[in-house]
Amino acid sequence: MSVLPPDLPRLRTLVTYLRGELSRMEQALAAAEGCKAATVRKQAQPAPEPEPPAWLVERGIGVGRLPVRAHAGDCWDTRSRCAPASADQIRALLAQGIPACPHCRPDTALGVLE
């Protein structure tokens, strides 16, 4: 026993209805695939690198870890013991007698005279 109606007009009505449903389902599927692809692209993009600090303070080794040298942020001679600092902090350290890096010369960049 078939669930479909036997007469032609009702069969045409069902076909028209199902074509409309199929079209809506294909649109929903395309939208879901687009969202999934956008999510994958977003996750694949690397996070932007943080901007390097403008000034660095190199600290010594040991318990107190006192400042030993001042650097510009893009200096090639920095080590792992460097921490970011503001321009005012670098000026204060230079005024206290902490030496400036001889390579990047933060004292010259900041206009601090020795």
N, C-alpha and C. Protein backbone atom coordinates (compact mmCIF):
# COMPACT_ATOMS: atom_id res chain seq x y z
N MET A 1 0.84 -1.17 0.00
CA MET A 1 0.00 0.00 0.00
C MET A 1 0.89 1.25 0.00
N SER A 2 0.68 2.16 -0.91
CA SER A 2 1.48 3.37 -1.07
C SER A 2 0.90 4.51 -0.24
N VAL A 3 1.78 5.37 0.26
CA VAL A 3 1.36 6.53 1.05
C VAL A 3 1.03 7.71 0.13
N LEU A 4 1.43 7.63 -1.11
CA LEU A 4 1.22 8.71 -2.05
C LEU A 4 -0.21 8.67 -2.61
N PRO A 5 -0.75 9.85 -2.91
CA PRO A 5 -2.09 9.88 -3.49
C PRO A 5 -2.06 9.34 -4.93
N PRO A 6 -3.15 8.74 -5.38
CA PRO A 6 -3.17 8.13 -6.70
C PRO A 6 -3.44 9.12 -7.84
N ASP A 7 -4.02 10.27 -7.53
CA ASP A 7 -4.42 11.17 -8.62
C ASP A 7 -3.31 12.17 -8.95
N LEU A 8 -3.31 12.60 -10.21
CA LEU A 8 -2.29 13.47 -10.77
C LEU A 8 -2.23 14.86 -10.11
N PRO A 9 -3.32 15.57 -9.87
CA PRO A 9 -3.21 16.92 -9.28
C PRO A 9 -2.55 16.92 -7.90
N ARG A 10 -2.88 15.96 -7.06
CA ARG A 10 -2.27 15.92 -5.72
C ARG A 10 -0.80 15.52 -5.81
N LEU A 11 -0.45 14.67 -6.72
CA LEU A 11 0.96 14.30 -6.91
C LEU A 11 1.78 15.50 -7.37
N ARG A 12 1.24 16.31 -8.29
CA ARG A 12 1.94 17.51 -8.74
C ARG A 12 2.10 18.50 -7.59
N THR A 13 1.08 18.62 -6.74
CA THR A 13 1.16 19.51 -5.59
C THR A 13 2.27 19.06 -4.65
N LEU A 14 2.35 17.77 -4.39
CA LEU A 14 3.41 17.25 -3.51
C LEU A 14 4.80 17.48 -4.12
N VAL A 15 4.94 17.28 -5.41
CA VAL A 15 6.24 17.49 -6.07
C VAL A 15 6.65 18.96 -5.96
N THR A 16 5.71 19.88 -6.19
CA THR A 16 6.00 21.31 -6.07
C THR A 16 6.43 21.66 -4.65
N TYR A 17 5.69 21.12 -3.67
CA TYR A 17 6.02 21.38 -2.27
C TYR A 17 7.41 20.84 -1.93
N LEU A 18 7.71 19.62 -2.35
CA LEU A 18 9.00 19.01 -2.02
C LEU A 18 10.15 19.72 -2.72
N ARG A 19 9.94 20.22 -3.94
CA ARG A 19 10.99 21.00 -4.60
C ARG A 19 11.30 22.27 -3.81
N GLY A 20 10.27 22.92 -3.30
CA GLY A 20 10.48 24.11 -2.46
C GLY A 20 11.24 23.78 -1.19
N GLU A 21 10.87 22.69 -0.55
CA GLU A 21 11.57 22.25 0.66
C GLU A 21 13.02 21.90 0.36
N LEU A 22 13.26 21.23 -0.78
CA LEU A 22 14.61 20.89 -1.18
C LEU A 22 15.44 22.15 -1.41
N SER A 23 14.86 23.14 -2.03
CA SER A 23 15.57 24.41 -2.27
C SER A 23 15.93 25.08 -0.93
N ARG A 24 15.00 25.11 0.00
CA ARG A 24 15.28 25.71 1.32
C ARG A 24 16.36 24.92 2.06
N MET A 25 16.33 23.61 1.95
CA MET A 25 17.34 22.79 2.61
C MET A 25 18.72 23.00 1.99
N GLU A 26 18.79 23.14 0.66
CA GLU A 26 20.07 23.40 0.01
C GLU A 26 20.63 24.76 0.41
N GLN A 27 19.75 25.76 0.55
CA GLN A 27 20.20 27.09 0.99
C GLN A 27 20.72 27.03 2.43
N ALA A 28 20.01 26.31 3.29
CA ALA A 28 20.45 26.18 4.68
C ALA A 28 21.79 25.43 4.75
N LEU A 29 21.94 24.41 3.93
CA LEU A 29 23.19 23.65 3.89
C LEU A 29 24.34 24.54 3.41
N ALA A 30 24.12 25.33 2.38
CA ALA A 30 25.17 26.23 1.87
C ALA A 30 25.55 27.26 2.93
N ALA A 31 24.57 27.79 3.64
CA ALA A 31 24.87 28.76 4.69
C ALA A 31 25.68 28.12 5.82
N ALA A 32 25.32 26.91 6.22
CA ALA A 32 26.05 26.21 7.29
C ALA A 32 27.47 25.89 6.86
N GLU A 33 27.64 25.48 5.59
CA GLU A 33 28.99 25.20 5.09
C GLU A 33 29.83 26.46 5.02
N GLY A 34 29.20 27.59 4.65
CA GLY A 34 29.92 28.87 4.61
C GLY A 34 30.38 29.29 6.00
N CYS A 35 29.52 29.12 7.00
CA CYS A 35 29.90 29.45 8.38
C CYS A 35 31.04 28.57 8.86
N LYS A 36 30.97 27.29 8.55
CA LYS A 36 32.03 26.36 8.94
C LYS A 36 33.35 26.74 8.28
N ALA A 37 33.31 27.07 7.00
CA ALA A 37 34.53 27.44 6.29
C ALA A 37 35.12 28.73 6.86
N ALA A 38 34.26 29.69 7.20
CA ALA A 38 34.74 30.94 7.79
C ALA A 38 35.39 30.69 9.14
N THR A 39 34.81 29.80 9.92
CA THR A 39 35.38 29.46 11.23
C THR A 39 36.75 28.81 11.07
N VAL A 40 36.86 27.90 10.11
CA VAL A 40 38.14 27.22 9.87
C VAL A 40 39.20 28.22 9.41
N ARG A 41 38.82 29.14 8.51
CA ARG A 41 39.78 30.16 8.04
C ARG A 41 40.22 31.05 9.18
N LYS A 42 39.27 31.42 10.03
CA LYS A 42 39.60 32.30 11.16
C LYS A 42 40.55 31.61 12.13
N GLN A 43 40.34 30.33 12.38
CA GLN A 43 41.20 29.59 13.30
C GLN A 43 42.57 29.34 12.69
N ALA A 44 42.66 29.26 11.37
CA ALA A 44 43.93 28.98 10.71
C ALA A 44 44.85 30.20 10.66
N GLN A 45 44.28 31.40 10.78
CA GLN A 45 45.10 32.60 10.72
C GLN A 45 45.90 32.75 12.01
N PRO A 46 47.20 33.02 11.89
CA PRO A 46 47.99 33.21 13.10
C PRO A 46 47.63 34.52 13.78
N ALA A 47 47.74 34.52 15.07
CA ALA A 47 47.47 35.75 15.82
C ALA A 47 48.54 36.78 15.50
N PRO A 48 48.15 38.04 15.41
CA PRO A 48 49.16 39.05 15.13
C PRO A 48 50.17 39.15 16.27
N GLU A 49 51.40 39.35 15.90
CA GLU A 49 52.45 39.46 16.91
C GLU A 49 52.30 40.78 17.66
N PRO A 50 52.51 40.74 18.96
CA PRO A 50 52.42 41.99 19.71
C PRO A 50 53.54 42.96 19.32
N GLU A 51 53.23 44.22 19.39
CA GLU A 51 54.22 45.23 19.04
C GLU A 51 55.32 45.24 20.10
N PRO A 52 56.59 45.26 19.68
CA PRO A 52 57.67 45.25 20.68
C PRO A 52 57.67 46.56 21.48
N PRO A 53 58.12 46.49 22.72
CA PRO A 53 58.17 47.71 23.53
C PRO A 53 59.19 48.70 22.95
N ALA A 54 58.98 49.97 23.21
CA ALA A 54 59.88 50.99 22.69
C ALA A 54 61.20 51.02 23.46
N TRP A 55 61.15 50.66 24.74
CA TRP A 55 62.35 50.74 25.59
C TRP A 55 62.43 49.50 26.47
N LEU A 56 63.65 49.07 26.77
CA LEU A 56 63.87 47.89 27.59
C LEU A 56 64.89 48.18 28.69
N VAL A 57 64.70 47.54 29.83
CA VAL A 57 65.66 47.60 30.93
C VAL A 57 66.24 46.21 31.10
N GLU A 58 67.54 46.10 30.99
CA GLU A 58 68.21 44.83 31.22
C GLU A 58 68.52 44.73 32.69
N ARG A 59 68.13 43.61 33.30
CA ARG A 59 68.35 43.41 34.74
C ARG A 59 69.48 42.42 34.95
N GLY A 60 70.14 42.54 36.08
CA GLY A 60 71.24 41.65 36.41
C GLY A 60 70.75 40.30 36.88
N ILE A 61 71.72 39.46 37.24
CA ILE A 61 71.42 38.12 37.73
C ILE A 61 71.43 38.17 39.25
N GLY A 62 70.54 37.44 39.86
CA GLY A 62 70.55 37.35 41.32
C GLY A 62 69.23 37.73 41.93
N VAL A 63 69.24 37.79 43.25
CA VAL A 63 68.01 38.01 44.00
C VAL A 63 67.43 39.39 43.73
N GLY A 64 68.22 40.42 43.80
CA GLY A 64 67.71 41.78 43.64
C GLY A 64 67.38 42.15 42.21
N ARG A 65 68.10 41.55 41.25
CA ARG A 65 67.93 41.82 39.83
C ARG A 65 67.85 43.31 39.53
N LEU A 66 68.89 44.02 39.91
CA LEU A 66 68.95 45.46 39.69
C LEU A 66 69.19 45.77 38.21
N PRO A 67 68.75 46.93 37.75
CA PRO A 67 68.98 47.31 36.36
C PRO A 67 70.48 47.46 36.08
N VAL A 68 70.94 46.92 34.95
CA VAL A 68 72.36 47.02 34.59
C VAL A 68 72.58 47.78 33.29
N ARG A 69 71.54 47.88 32.42
CA ARG A 69 71.72 48.59 31.17
C ARG A 69 70.35 48.94 30.58
N ALA A 70 70.30 50.06 29.86
CA ALA A 70 69.08 50.50 29.19
C ALA A 70 69.22 50.28 27.68
N HIS A 71 68.11 49.86 27.05
CA HIS A 71 68.12 49.55 25.62
C HIS A 71 66.92 50.20 24.94
N ALA A 72 67.07 50.44 23.64
CA ALA A 72 65.91 50.75 22.80
C ALA A 72 65.20 49.43 22.51
N GLY A 73 63.91 49.48 22.23
CA GLY A 73 63.14 48.25 22.05
C GLY A 73 63.57 47.38 20.89
N ASP A 74 64.17 47.97 19.86
CA ASP A 74 64.58 47.18 18.70
C ASP A 74 66.06 46.82 18.71
N CYS A 75 66.70 46.92 19.86
CA CYS A 75 68.14 46.63 19.96
C CYS A 75 68.41 45.14 19.73
N TRP A 76 69.46 44.85 18.99
CA TRP A 76 69.82 43.47 18.71
C TRP A 76 70.60 42.83 19.85
N ASP A 77 71.08 43.64 20.79
CA ASP A 77 71.94 43.14 21.86
C ASP A 77 71.17 42.92 23.17
N THR A 78 69.87 42.70 23.09
CA THR A 78 69.11 42.45 24.33
C THR A 78 69.21 40.99 24.69
N ARG A 79 68.98 40.73 25.93
CA ARG A 79 69.03 39.35 26.42
C ARG A 79 67.70 38.99 27.04
N SER A 80 67.61 37.79 27.58
CA SER A 80 66.35 37.32 28.15
C SER A 80 66.01 38.01 29.47
N ARG A 81 66.93 38.76 30.01
CA ARG A 81 66.68 39.42 31.29
C ARG A 81 66.12 40.84 31.10
N CYS A 82 65.60 41.15 29.93
CA CYS A 82 65.08 42.49 29.66
C CYS A 82 63.59 42.55 29.95
N ALA A 83 63.17 43.72 30.43
CA ALA A 83 61.75 43.97 30.70
C ALA A 83 61.36 45.28 30.04
N PRO A 84 60.11 45.41 29.58
CA PRO A 84 59.67 46.65 28.96
C PRO A 84 59.69 47.81 29.96
N ALA A 85 59.92 49.01 29.44
CA ALA A 85 59.95 50.20 30.30
C ALA A 85 59.45 51.39 29.49
N SER A 86 59.04 52.42 30.21
CA SER A 86 58.59 53.65 29.55
C SER A 86 59.80 54.55 29.32
N ALA A 87 59.61 55.57 28.50
CA ALA A 87 60.69 56.52 28.23
C ALA A 87 61.11 57.24 29.50
N ASP A 88 60.13 57.57 30.35
CA ASP A 88 60.46 58.25 31.62
C ASP A 88 61.28 57.35 32.54
N GLN A 89 60.96 56.07 32.57
CA GLN A 89 61.74 55.15 33.40
C GLN A 89 63.17 55.05 32.88
N ILE A 90 63.34 55.01 31.58
CA ILE A 90 64.69 54.94 31.01
C ILE A 90 65.47 56.22 31.33
N ARG A 91 64.81 57.37 31.20
CA ARG A 91 65.47 58.63 31.54
C ARG A 91 65.91 58.64 33.01
N ALA A 92 65.03 58.15 33.90
CA ALA A 92 65.37 58.12 35.32
C ALA A 92 66.55 57.18 35.58
N LEU A 93 66.57 56.03 34.93
CA LEU A 93 67.68 55.10 35.11
C LEU A 93 68.99 55.69 34.60
N LEU A 94 68.92 56.35 33.45
CA LEU A 94 70.13 56.97 32.91
C LEU A 94 70.62 58.09 33.83
N ALA A 95 69.70 58.82 34.44
CA ALA A 95 70.07 59.87 35.38
C ALA A 95 70.70 59.29 36.64
N GLN A 96 70.33 58.07 37.01
CA GLN A 96 70.89 57.41 38.18
C GLN A 96 72.26 56.80 37.89
N GLY A 97 72.68 56.82 36.64
CA GLY A 97 74.00 56.29 36.31
C GLY A 97 73.98 54.92 35.68
N ILE A 98 72.82 54.37 35.40
CA ILE A 98 72.75 53.08 34.72
C ILE A 98 73.24 53.31 33.29
N PRO A 99 74.18 52.50 32.80
CA PRO A 99 74.73 52.76 31.46
C PRO A 99 73.72 52.46 30.35
N ALA A 100 73.87 53.20 29.26
CA ALA A 100 73.07 52.96 28.07
C ALA A 100 73.78 51.93 27.20
N CYS A 101 73.03 51.17 26.46
CA CYS A 101 73.61 50.20 25.53
C CYS A 101 74.45 50.94 24.50
N PRO A 102 75.69 50.50 24.26
CA PRO A 102 76.53 51.19 23.29
C PRO A 102 76.10 50.96 21.84
N HIS A 103 75.21 50.00 21.61
CA HIS A 103 74.79 49.68 20.25
C HIS A 103 73.56 50.48 19.82
N CYS A 104 72.53 50.52 20.67
CA CYS A 104 71.30 51.19 20.27
C CYS A 104 71.20 52.62 20.81
N ARG A 105 72.02 52.99 21.76
CA ARG A 105 72.13 54.35 22.31
C ARG A 105 70.77 54.97 22.67
N PRO A 106 70.07 54.41 23.68
CA PRO A 106 68.79 55.00 24.08
C PRO A 106 68.96 56.40 24.66
N ASP A 107 70.13 56.70 25.22
CA ASP A 107 70.36 58.04 25.76
C ASP A 107 70.35 59.08 24.65
N THR A 108 70.92 58.76 23.52
CA THR A 108 70.91 59.69 22.38
C THR A 108 69.51 59.82 21.82
N ALA A 109 68.79 58.71 21.71
CA ALA A 109 67.43 58.74 21.17
C ALA A 109 66.49 59.56 22.05
N LEU A 110 66.71 59.52 23.35
CA LEU A 110 65.85 60.26 24.27
C LEU A 110 66.35 61.68 24.54
N GLY A 111 67.51 62.01 24.01
CA GLY A 111 68.04 63.36 24.20
C GLY A 111 68.62 63.59 25.58
N VAL A 112 69.07 62.52 26.22
CA VAL A 112 69.67 62.62 27.56
C VAL A 112 71.17 62.86 27.38
N LEU A 113 71.68 63.92 27.96
CA LEU A 113 73.11 64.20 27.87
C LEU A 113 73.81 63.58 29.04
N GLU A 114 74.97 63.02 28.80
CA GLU A 114 75.71 62.40 29.90
C GLU A 114 76.50 63.43 30.68
